[in-house]
Amino acid sequence: MELLDDLSGFQFEDLMEDVFRKLGYENVRQAVKTADEGRDIIMEEVVDGRRRAIIVECKHTDSVGRPVVQKLHSAIATFDFDGPKRGMVVTTGRFTSPAREYADRLRNNGDPYSIELLDGTDLRDLSEDIGLDIYNGRIEVLCNETLRPVDPTAGRDGPVLEAFRSIENLDSRDLPTPWTSVTFEPVLSITARTDATFETSVGVIHQINQQDAFLLHADRQHPRVADGAVGTLVQENFSRTIDLDEPAMEEMFDEVDVNRFGQTETEYKEWAIDRLREHHTTTVEYTGDNNVTYTKECTPNLSDVSVQSIEPVYVPEVRSSTSLGEYSYPFTYYAAGPSRVTVEDGIHRCVHCDSAQDGTCTYCENCGSINCKKHIKTERLEQEPVCTGCAVTERFFLRTKYFYDEENRDEFREEYAAMPAYEKAMENPPLVGGSLVGAIAVVLLLAIQFGLL
């Protein structure tokens, strides 16, 4: 086993020279250690009967960007070799999207000096082919697979439009295009088994034989177990992942972020073992040979917990914001194609009392607010919804009326002034109804008093 963490850059080149030689490349040798001009290893291969030179750049780093690939391309062009040439960049870490995009462009355009990129995962696969276990202790988890951030049948904005369809007085077809970003959150699907037996002089007092599976958020923060809904989302869609193509995502979303894995696979494994030991720790009561009751804390040993698989994947967290009038409405969810788990629903939340609404929400076209039943009224002049936050109010026949603006209020004032008394009274039906009931009650009491009834 080769532990790459303890190797210097030169030692990593020595290792790669040995790896390439065992893989069957010919004339494998290292360039001069100083002023190598981007040439760490030089070797040859025979393709279709023709000898080709391969110029290799080795990078024992966490990340390799486009400038390294560009520099190697220039080094290949100036390398003195009578025949075809190509390049290769080998890293224990990962390649940035611009680096991969540049290498892809060389290959797709038929450039005579194409460059192959081998990251830490590729390096481990190559080493397995020759029976060498290359171990990256401190290199981050490498992953380029993600759940689908968009349902192709609904489009990027489909979930937001669906959420707005339940809002009364609002046609979702008239909505402006929401601003939408996506953050690819790294997670690990971990399965482990705990087998532990606890014995005393009286025999076995406790046993644990359990398989555990859980999903772990694995970004730069401390590891934390995902909630059940997110775990189910990942488990049900793990077999339907796609490549995390950042350039393609940038064309689809207004902003794209990829959060890298914060720790190594080894560190996550150790974290999982510690948590499972803690989870399975229990206190057991048992009776000894002397008929005395004892208690014993049973904690599994490190060797009792076996992590069977750690599978990395990215989960897209999609954040949208839709502007309506004076307000913006956030909507955030974890996506997996047509499936999703809502994280924040600012659409079904009253802007005035900030309460989440499971029932009816109504849109106020006057100011752009979405309101609960308590904060939406009917505009007196036009008989359309208006919210209590933007409405102009005035009392008519002892009852408050709501208007879009002062112009509508003034227009109704004129109408009200011209109304006959009975129409004015109908501006407050509860008052009129109550007055009539009271008047009838008085008449009945008088009639009873004077013996008329």
Protein backbone atom coordinates (compact mmCIF):
# COMPACT_ATOMS: atom_id res chain seq x y z
CA MET A 1 0.00 0.00 0.00
CA GLU A 2 1.25 3.47 -0.92
CA LEU A 3 0.10 6.32 1.31
CA LEU A 4 0.31 9.42 -0.88
CA ASP A 5 -0.01 11.90 1.98
CA ASP A 6 3.55 11.37 3.16
CA LEU A 7 5.09 11.69 -0.31
CA SER A 8 6.74 14.82 -1.65
CA GLY A 9 6.08 15.96 -5.20
CA PHE A 10 9.27 14.26 -6.41
CA GLN A 11 8.39 11.05 -4.59
CA PHE A 12 4.95 11.10 -6.23
CA GLU A 13 6.66 11.35 -9.63
CA ASP A 14 8.83 8.34 -8.70
CA LEU A 15 5.71 6.39 -7.82
CA MET A 16 3.95 7.32 -11.06
CA GLU A 17 7.03 6.33 -13.07
CA ASP A 18 6.77 2.88 -11.52
CA VAL A 19 3.00 2.72 -12.13
CA PHE A 20 3.32 3.63 -15.81
CA ARG A 21 6.13 1.14 -16.32
CA LYS A 22 4.00 -1.65 -14.84
CA LEU A 23 1.06 -0.58 -17.02
CA GLY A 24 3.16 -1.40 -20.08
CA TYR A 25 4.36 2.00 -21.31
CA GLU A 26 7.84 2.01 -22.85
CA ASN A 27 10.96 4.13 -22.29
CA VAL A 28 9.46 5.60 -19.10
CA ARG A 29 11.81 8.19 -17.62
CA GLN A 30 11.65 11.40 -15.63
CA ALA A 31 12.56 14.82 -16.92
CA VAL A 32 15.15 16.97 -15.17
CA LYS A 33 13.92 17.79 -11.66
CA THR A 34 14.33 21.54 -12.13
CA ALA A 35 13.04 23.75 -14.92
CA ASP A 36 11.00 20.87 -16.30
CA GLU A 37 8.78 23.17 -18.35
CA GLY A 38 5.73 21.11 -17.49
CA ARG A 39 7.38 17.76 -18.26
CA ASP A 40 7.62 15.46 -15.22
CA ILE A 41 7.56 12.06 -16.93
CA ILE A 42 8.25 11.17 -20.54
CA MET A 43 7.24 7.80 -21.97
CA GLU A 44 6.17 6.13 -25.19
CA GLU A 45 3.46 3.84 -26.49
CA VAL A 46 2.89 2.02 -29.74
CA VAL A 47 -0.50 2.56 -31.43
CA ASP A 48 -1.33 0.86 -34.73
CA GLY A 49 2.32 0.11 -35.26
CA ARG A 50 3.41 3.72 -34.76
CA ARG A 51 5.39 4.98 -31.78
CA ARG A 52 3.91 7.98 -29.90
CA ALA A 53 5.41 10.08 -27.12
CA ILE A 54 3.45 10.91 -23.97
CA ILE A 55 4.38 13.92 -21.86
CA VAL A 56 3.11 13.61 -18.27
CA GLU A 57 2.60 16.33 -15.68
CA CYS A 58 2.21 15.07 -12.07
CA LYS A 59 0.36 17.19 -9.50
CA HIS A 60 0.21 16.01 -5.89
CA THR A 61 -2.44 18.61 -4.97
CA ASP A 62 -6.11 18.87 -4.05
CA SER A 63 -7.14 20.66 -7.24
CA VAL A 64 -5.73 21.24 -10.74
CA GLY A 65 -6.92 24.17 -12.84
CA ARG A 66 -6.87 25.06 -16.50
CA PRO A 67 -3.45 26.86 -16.48
CA VAL A 68 -1.68 23.56 -15.72
CA VAL A 69 -3.33 21.89 -18.72
CA GLN A 70 -2.54 24.84 -20.97
CA LYS A 71 1.09 24.80 -19.89
CA LEU A 72 1.38 21.10 -20.66
CA HIS A 73 -0.10 21.68 -24.12
CA SER A 74 2.69 24.14 -24.86
CA ALA A 75 5.28 21.71 -23.48
CA ILE A 76 4.03 18.97 -25.79
CA ALA A 77 4.23 21.26 -28.82
CA THR A 78 7.88 22.13 -28.11
CA PHE A 79 9.01 18.64 -27.15
CA ASP A 80 11.49 17.26 -29.66
CA PHE A 81 10.11 13.95 -30.91
CA ASP A 82 9.89 12.55 -34.42
CA GLY A 83 6.32 11.34 -34.39
CA PRO A 84 2.90 11.96 -32.81
CA LYS A 85 2.69 13.27 -29.27
CA ARG A 86 0.05 13.56 -26.58
CA GLY A 87 -0.15 14.64 -22.96
CA MET A 88 -1.38 13.43 -19.61
CA VAL A 89 -1.99 15.22 -16.29
CA VAL A 90 -2.11 13.01 -13.20
CA THR A 91 -3.32 14.35 -9.86
CA THR A 92 -4.15 12.87 -6.48
CA GLY A 93 -7.01 15.37 -6.23
CA ARG A 94 -9.52 16.58 -8.79
CA PHE A 95 -9.69 18.76 -11.90
CA THR A 96 -11.67 21.97 -12.04
CA SER A 97 -14.42 22.31 -14.63
CA PRO A 98 -12.40 24.80 -16.76
CA ALA A 99 -9.51 22.30 -16.83
CA ARG A 100 -11.77 19.49 -18.02
CA GLU A 101 -13.50 21.78 -20.50
CA TYR A 102 -10.13 22.78 -22.02
CA ALA A 103 -9.01 19.15 -22.38
CA ASP A 104 -12.37 18.20 -23.91
CA ARG A 105 -12.06 21.02 -26.44
CA LEU A 106 -8.62 19.82 -27.54
CA ARG A 107 -9.96 16.31 -28.09
CA ASN A 108 -13.19 17.35 -29.82
CA ASN A 109 -11.39 19.77 -32.16
CA GLY A 110 -8.90 17.12 -33.27
CA ASP A 111 -5.91 18.95 -31.79
CA PRO A 112 -2.68 17.00 -32.52
CA TYR A 113 -1.63 17.39 -28.88
CA SER A 114 -4.58 15.99 -26.95
CA ILE A 115 -4.36 15.73 -23.16
CA GLU A 116 -5.75 12.97 -20.95
CA LEU A 117 -6.76 13.87 -17.39
CA LEU A 118 -6.44 11.32 -14.57
CA ASP A 119 -7.79 12.34 -11.16
CA GLY A 120 -7.47 10.59 -7.81
CA THR A 121 -10.26 8.14 -8.59
CA ASP A 122 -8.75 7.23 -11.97
CA LEU A 123 -5.37 6.83 -10.31
CA ARG A 124 -6.76 4.37 -7.80
CA ASP A 125 -8.41 2.37 -10.60
CA LEU A 126 -5.13 2.23 -12.55
CA SER A 127 -3.23 1.09 -9.49
CA GLU A 128 -5.70 -1.74 -8.90
CA ASP A 129 -4.96 -3.00 -12.42
CA ILE A 130 -1.36 -3.64 -11.38
CA GLY A 131 -2.10 -4.84 -7.85
CA LEU A 132 -1.00 -1.65 -6.09
CA ASP A 133 -3.16 -0.07 -3.40
CA ILE A 134 -2.77 3.70 -3.62
CA TYR A 135 -4.36 5.39 -0.65
CA ASN A 136 -5.27 9.09 -0.39
CA GLY A 137 -5.56 9.76 3.30
CA ARG A 138 -5.96 13.53 3.21
CA ILE A 139 -7.30 14.01 -0.29
CA GLU A 140 -10.98 14.92 -0.38
CA VAL A 141 -13.67 12.54 -1.54
CA LEU A 142 -13.90 12.64 -5.33
CA CYS A 143 -17.29 12.56 -7.00
CA ASN A 144 -18.80 13.76 -10.26
CA GLU A 145 -22.27 12.22 -9.95
CA THR A 146 -25.39 14.14 -8.96
CA LEU A 147 -29.10 13.66 -8.67
CA ARG A 148 -30.93 15.46 -11.46
CA PRO A 149 -31.64 19.10 -10.58
CA VAL A 150 -34.41 19.45 -13.17
CA ASP A 151 -37.34 17.35 -14.31
CA PRO A 152 -37.07 17.42 -18.15
CA THR A 153 -40.85 17.29 -18.52
CA ALA A 154 -41.49 20.31 -16.27
CA GLY A 155 -38.44 22.46 -16.93
CA ARG A 156 -36.35 24.44 -14.49
CA ASP A 157 -39.25 26.59 -13.23
CA GLY A 158 -41.85 23.83 -13.08
CA PRO A 159 -41.82 23.35 -9.27
CA VAL A 160 -42.20 27.09 -8.66
CA LEU A 161 -45.08 27.43 -11.12
CA GLU A 162 -46.77 24.45 -9.50
CA ALA A 163 -46.49 26.06 -6.07
CA PHE A 164 -48.09 29.30 -7.32
CA ARG A 165 -51.06 27.50 -8.92
CA SER A 166 -52.80 27.13 -5.57
CA ILE A 167 -52.73 30.89 -4.89
CA GLU A 168 -56.14 32.47 -5.49
CA ASN A 169 -56.48 35.55 -7.70
CA LEU A 170 -53.18 34.74 -9.45
CA ASP A 171 -52.66 33.13 -12.83
CA SER A 172 -49.32 31.29 -12.74
CA ARG A 173 -49.02 31.79 -16.49
CA ASP A 174 -48.55 35.51 -15.87
CA LEU A 175 -45.66 35.08 -13.45
CA PRO A 176 -42.28 36.62 -14.25
CA THR A 177 -39.34 34.26 -14.71
CA PRO A 178 -37.95 33.51 -11.24
CA TRP A 179 -34.28 33.95 -10.42
CA THR A 180 -33.01 30.46 -9.72
CA SER A 181 -29.72 29.12 -8.40
CA VAL A 182 -28.52 25.61 -7.61
CA THR A 183 -26.03 24.44 -5.03
CA PHE A 184 -24.77 20.89 -5.35
CA GLU A 185 -24.52 19.59 -1.80
CA PRO A 186 -22.17 16.64 -1.18
CA VAL A 187 -23.65 13.71 0.69
CA LEU A 188 -22.50 10.20 1.55
CA SER A 189 -24.70 7.13 1.66
CA ILE A 190 -23.19 4.95 4.37
CA THR A 191 -24.01 1.37 5.26
CA ALA A 192 -22.45 -0.34 8.27
CA ARG A 193 -22.93 -3.40 10.39
CA THR A 194 -22.52 -3.74 14.15
CA ASP A 195 -21.91 -7.18 15.61
CA ALA A 196 -21.11 -7.18 19.32
CA THR A 197 -21.49 -9.68 22.15
CA PHE A 198 -21.19 -8.74 25.83
CA GLU A 199 -20.48 -11.45 28.39
CA THR A 200 -19.90 -11.71 32.10
CA SER A 201 -19.33 -14.65 34.40
CA VAL A 202 -23.01 -15.57 34.04
CA GLY A 203 -22.84 -15.69 30.25
CA VAL A 204 -24.06 -13.44 27.45
CA ILE A 205 -25.99 -10.44 28.78
CA HIS A 206 -26.43 -8.43 25.57
CA GLN A 207 -25.95 -8.80 21.82
CA ILE A 208 -26.09 -6.40 18.89
CA ASN A 209 -26.55 -7.66 15.34
CA GLN A 210 -27.74 -4.74 13.27
CA GLN A 211 -27.34 -3.28 9.82
CA ASP A 212 -27.52 0.53 9.65
CA ALA A 213 -27.90 2.80 6.63
CA PHE A 214 -27.97 6.57 6.72
CA LEU A 215 -27.24 9.65 4.65
CA LEU A 216 -24.58 12.10 5.75
CA HIS A 217 -24.22 15.76 4.76
CA ALA A 218 -20.53 16.00 3.92
CA ASP A 219 -19.74 19.64 3.13
CA ARG A 220 -17.21 21.88 4.90
CA GLN A 221 -19.30 21.90 8.07
CA HIS A 222 -19.21 19.12 10.64
CA PRO A 223 -20.76 15.87 9.34
CA ARG A 224 -24.46 15.60 10.13
CA VAL A 225 -27.09 13.01 9.38
CA ALA A 226 -29.71 14.10 6.84
CA ASP A 227 -33.37 14.01 7.80
CA GLY A 228 -35.53 11.11 6.72
CA ALA A 229 -37.14 12.82 3.73
CA VAL A 230 -33.81 13.77 2.16
CA GLY A 231 -32.42 10.31 2.88
CA THR A 232 -35.39 8.71 1.14
CA LEU A 233 -35.02 11.08 -1.82
CA VAL A 234 -31.40 10.01 -2.32
CA GLN A 235 -32.02 6.30 -1.79
CA GLU A 236 -34.88 6.21 -4.29
CA ASN A 237 -32.90 8.07 -6.96
CA PHE A 238 -29.33 6.83 -6.44
CA SER A 239 -29.49 4.65 -9.54
CA ARG A 240 -30.59 7.57 -11.74
CA THR A 241 -27.71 9.99 -11.29
CA ILE A 242 -26.08 12.07 -14.03
CA ASP A 243 -22.66 13.63 -14.53
CA LEU A 244 -22.22 16.96 -12.77
CA ASP A 245 -21.57 19.05 -15.88
CA GLU A 246 -20.95 22.54 -14.48
CA PRO A 247 -20.90 24.39 -17.86
CA ALA A 248 -24.25 22.83 -18.78
CA MET A 249 -25.68 23.75 -15.38
CA GLU A 250 -24.47 27.34 -15.76
CA GLU A 251 -26.47 27.62 -18.97
CA MET A 252 -29.57 26.37 -17.17
CA PHE A 253 -29.36 28.24 -13.84
CA ASP A 254 -28.64 31.86 -12.94
CA GLU A 255 -25.99 30.78 -10.44
CA VAL A 256 -24.24 27.48 -9.79
CA ASP A 257 -22.19 26.45 -6.74
CA VAL A 258 -20.55 23.10 -6.05
CA ASN A 259 -19.73 22.49 -2.39
CA ARG A 260 -16.79 20.15 -2.12
CA PHE A 261 -16.54 17.31 0.35
CA GLY A 262 -15.12 18.67 3.57
CA GLN A 263 -13.24 15.61 4.84
CA THR A 264 -11.62 12.47 3.56
CA GLU A 265 -13.29 9.11 3.20
CA THR A 266 -11.21 7.84 6.12
CA GLU A 267 -12.38 10.66 8.38
CA TYR A 268 -16.01 10.05 7.46
CA LYS A 269 -15.56 6.35 8.15
CA GLU A 270 -14.10 7.08 11.58
CA TRP A 271 -16.93 9.54 12.29
CA ALA A 272 -19.54 6.93 11.34
CA ILE A 273 -17.94 4.28 13.56
CA ASP A 274 -17.84 6.65 16.54
CA ARG A 275 -21.48 7.61 16.11
CA LEU A 276 -22.65 4.02 15.70
CA ARG A 277 -20.75 2.96 18.81
CA GLU A 278 -22.45 5.78 20.68
CA HIS A 279 -25.84 4.95 19.15
CA HIS A 280 -25.66 1.28 20.16
CA THR A 281 -24.34 1.92 23.67
CA THR A 282 -26.84 0.76 26.28
CA THR A 283 -26.93 -0.07 29.99
CA VAL A 284 -27.94 -3.63 30.83
CA GLU A 285 -29.08 -5.07 34.17
CA TYR A 286 -28.24 -8.68 34.96
CA THR A 287 -28.22 -10.96 37.99
CA GLY A 288 -24.91 -12.42 39.10
CA ASP A 289 -24.17 -15.86 40.49
CA ASN A 290 -24.70 -14.45 43.98
CA ASN A 291 -28.25 -13.28 43.07
CA VAL A 292 -27.13 -9.65 43.20
CA THR A 293 -28.36 -7.32 40.44
CA TYR A 294 -25.64 -5.51 38.51
CA THR A 295 -25.62 -2.91 35.73
CA LYS A 296 -23.13 -2.79 32.89
CA GLU A 297 -22.69 -0.22 30.14
CA CYS A 298 -22.31 -2.07 26.86
CA THR A 299 -20.37 -0.10 24.23
CA PRO A 300 -19.31 -1.81 20.98
CA ASN A 301 -15.57 -1.94 20.32
CA LEU A 302 -14.05 -0.33 17.24
CA SER A 303 -13.69 -3.77 15.70
CA ASP A 304 -17.40 -4.49 16.27
CA VAL A 305 -18.48 -1.85 13.73
CA SER A 306 -17.78 -2.52 10.07
CA VAL A 307 -18.44 0.21 7.49
CA GLN A 308 -19.41 -1.74 4.39
CA SER A 309 -19.86 1.06 1.86
CA ILE A 310 -19.45 4.81 1.55
CA GLU A 311 -21.02 6.10 -1.66
CA PRO A 312 -20.69 9.80 -2.54
CA VAL A 313 -23.19 11.78 -4.60
CA TYR A 314 -24.31 15.37 -4.96
CA VAL A 315 -27.84 16.50 -4.08
CA PRO A 316 -29.00 19.66 -5.88
CA GLU A 317 -30.47 22.31 -3.59
CA VAL A 318 -32.47 24.61 -5.86
CA ARG A 319 -33.27 28.13 -4.65
CA SER A 320 -35.67 30.39 -6.53
CA SER A 321 -36.99 33.88 -5.90
CA THR A 322 -40.01 35.32 -7.71
CA SER A 323 -40.67 39.06 -7.59
CA LEU A 324 -44.29 40.27 -7.55
CA GLY A 325 -44.88 43.95 -6.96
CA GLU A 326 -43.20 44.97 -3.73
CA TYR A 327 -42.44 41.42 -2.59
CA SER A 328 -40.14 38.51 -3.40
CA TYR A 329 -41.11 34.91 -2.71
CA PRO A 330 -38.40 32.31 -1.97
CA PHE A 331 -38.86 28.65 -2.75
CA THR A 332 -36.12 26.12 -1.93
CA TYR A 333 -36.05 22.37 -2.38
CA TYR A 334 -33.76 19.38 -2.81
CA ALA A 335 -34.28 17.98 -6.29
CA ALA A 336 -34.09 14.56 -7.90
CA GLY A 337 -35.69 14.92 -11.30
CA PRO A 338 -39.48 14.91 -10.78
CA SER A 339 -39.08 14.24 -7.04
CA ARG A 340 -38.20 16.88 -4.47
CA VAL A 341 -38.17 17.72 -0.77
CA THR A 342 -39.24 21.27 0.05
CA VAL A 343 -36.92 23.14 2.38
CA GLU A 344 -38.48 26.62 2.32
CA ASP A 345 -41.88 27.67 0.97
CA GLY A 346 -42.20 31.44 1.06
CA ILE A 347 -45.07 31.32 -1.43
CA HIS A 348 -47.62 29.88 1.00
CA ARG A 349 -46.75 32.30 3.80
CA CYS A 350 -48.70 35.44 4.64
CA VAL A 351 -46.49 38.51 4.16
CA HIS A 352 -48.22 40.34 7.03
CA CYS A 353 -48.27 37.79 9.85
CA ASP A 354 -45.48 35.55 8.47
CA SER A 355 -47.53 32.46 9.18
CA ALA A 356 -47.33 29.39 6.99
CA GLN A 357 -50.63 28.62 5.30
CA ASP A 358 -51.88 25.13 4.60
CA GLY A 359 -55.20 26.46 3.34
CA THR A 360 -56.24 29.30 1.07
CA CYS A 361 -53.81 32.08 0.22
CA THR A 362 -54.90 35.05 -1.88
CA TYR A 363 -52.85 37.35 -4.08
CA CYS A 364 -53.25 41.12 -3.88
CA GLU A 365 -52.63 42.49 -7.35
CA ASN A 366 -52.44 46.01 -5.95
CA CYS A 367 -49.11 45.50 -4.13
CA GLY A 368 -48.03 41.97 -5.03
CA SER A 369 -48.57 40.44 -1.60
CA ILE A 370 -49.80 36.93 -0.76
CA ASN A 371 -52.08 36.87 2.25
CA CYS A 372 -53.93 34.64 4.67
CA LYS A 373 -57.70 35.00 5.12
CA LYS A 374 -57.27 37.51 7.95
CA HIS A 375 -55.29 39.94 5.84
CA ILE A 376 -57.25 39.93 2.58
CA LYS A 377 -60.37 42.01 1.98
CA THR A 378 -62.69 42.81 -0.91
CA GLU A 379 -62.11 46.17 -2.54
CA ARG A 380 -65.40 48.09 -2.28
CA LEU A 381 -65.39 49.80 -5.66
CA GLU A 382 -64.08 47.03 -7.92
CA GLN A 383 -64.97 43.99 -5.77
CA GLU A 384 -61.49 42.48 -6.17
CA PRO A 385 -59.10 41.22 -3.43
CA VAL A 386 -56.96 43.81 -1.67
CA CYS A 387 -54.73 43.24 1.33
CA THR A 388 -54.91 45.10 4.63
CA GLY A 389 -51.32 46.23 4.18
CA CYS A 390 -51.78 48.40 1.11
CA ALA A 391 -55.50 49.26 1.23
CA VAL A 392 -56.79 52.79 1.84
CA THR A 393 -59.59 52.61 4.41
CA GLU A 394 -62.51 54.76 5.46
CA ARG A 395 -65.68 54.14 7.48
CA PHE A 396 -69.06 54.40 5.79
CA PHE A 397 -72.20 53.92 7.86
CA LEU A 398 -69.96 52.84 10.78
CA ARG A 399 -68.23 50.11 8.76
CA THR A 400 -64.65 50.13 7.39
CA LYS A 401 -64.34 49.92 3.62
CA TYR A 402 -61.15 48.98 1.73
CA PHE A 403 -59.89 50.63 -1.47
CA TYR A 404 -56.91 50.17 -3.80
CA ASP A 405 -55.99 53.84 -3.51
CA GLU A 406 -57.28 57.29 -2.62
CA GLU A 407 -58.71 57.77 -6.11
CA ASN A 408 -61.02 54.78 -5.68
CA ARG A 409 -61.95 55.95 -2.19
CA ASP A 410 -62.85 59.44 -3.45
CA GLU A 411 -64.91 57.98 -6.28
CA PHE A 412 -66.87 55.88 -3.82
CA ARG A 413 -67.37 58.90 -1.56
CA GLU A 414 -69.25 60.56 -4.40
CA GLU A 415 -71.33 57.43 -4.99
CA TYR A 416 -72.08 57.16 -1.30
CA ALA A 417 -73.15 60.81 -1.05
CA ALA A 418 -75.66 60.25 -3.85
CA MET A 419 -77.16 57.08 -2.34
CA PRO A 420 -80.63 57.10 -0.78
CA ALA A 421 -80.73 56.34 2.92
CA TYR A 422 -81.69 52.67 2.57
CA GLU A 423 -78.73 52.04 0.23
CA LYS A 424 -76.37 53.77 2.64
CA ALA A 425 -77.73 51.57 5.40
CA MET A 426 -76.94 48.48 3.33
CA GLU A 427 -73.23 49.41 3.47
CA ASN A 428 -73.38 47.91 6.95
CA PRO A 429 -75.76 44.92 6.79
CA PRO A 430 -74.82 43.55 10.24
CA LEU A 431 -75.66 46.92 11.82
CA VAL A 432 -78.94 47.17 9.92
CA GLY A 433 -79.84 43.57 10.73
CA GLY A 434 -78.99 44.07 14.38
CA SER A 435 -81.03 47.28 14.51
CA LEU A 436 -84.06 45.57 12.98
CA VAL A 437 -83.83 42.68 15.42
CA GLY A 438 -83.54 45.13 18.31
CA ALA A 439 -86.51 47.17 17.07
CA ILE A 440 -88.66 44.06 16.71
CA ALA A 441 -87.71 42.96 20.22
CA VAL A 442 -88.72 46.37 21.65
CA VAL A 443 -92.07 46.24 19.87
CA LEU A 444 -92.74 42.76 21.20
CA LEU A 445 -91.88 43.80 24.75
CA LEU A 446 -94.22 46.81 24.56
CA ALA A 447 -96.97 44.70 23.15
CA ILE A 448 -96.61 42.23 25.98
CA GLN A 449 -96.50 45.03 28.54
CA PHE A 450 -99.74 46.59 27.33
CA GLY A 451 -101.46 43.27 26.97
CA LEU A 452 -101.61 43.31 23.21
CA LEU A 453 -100.02 39.88 23.04
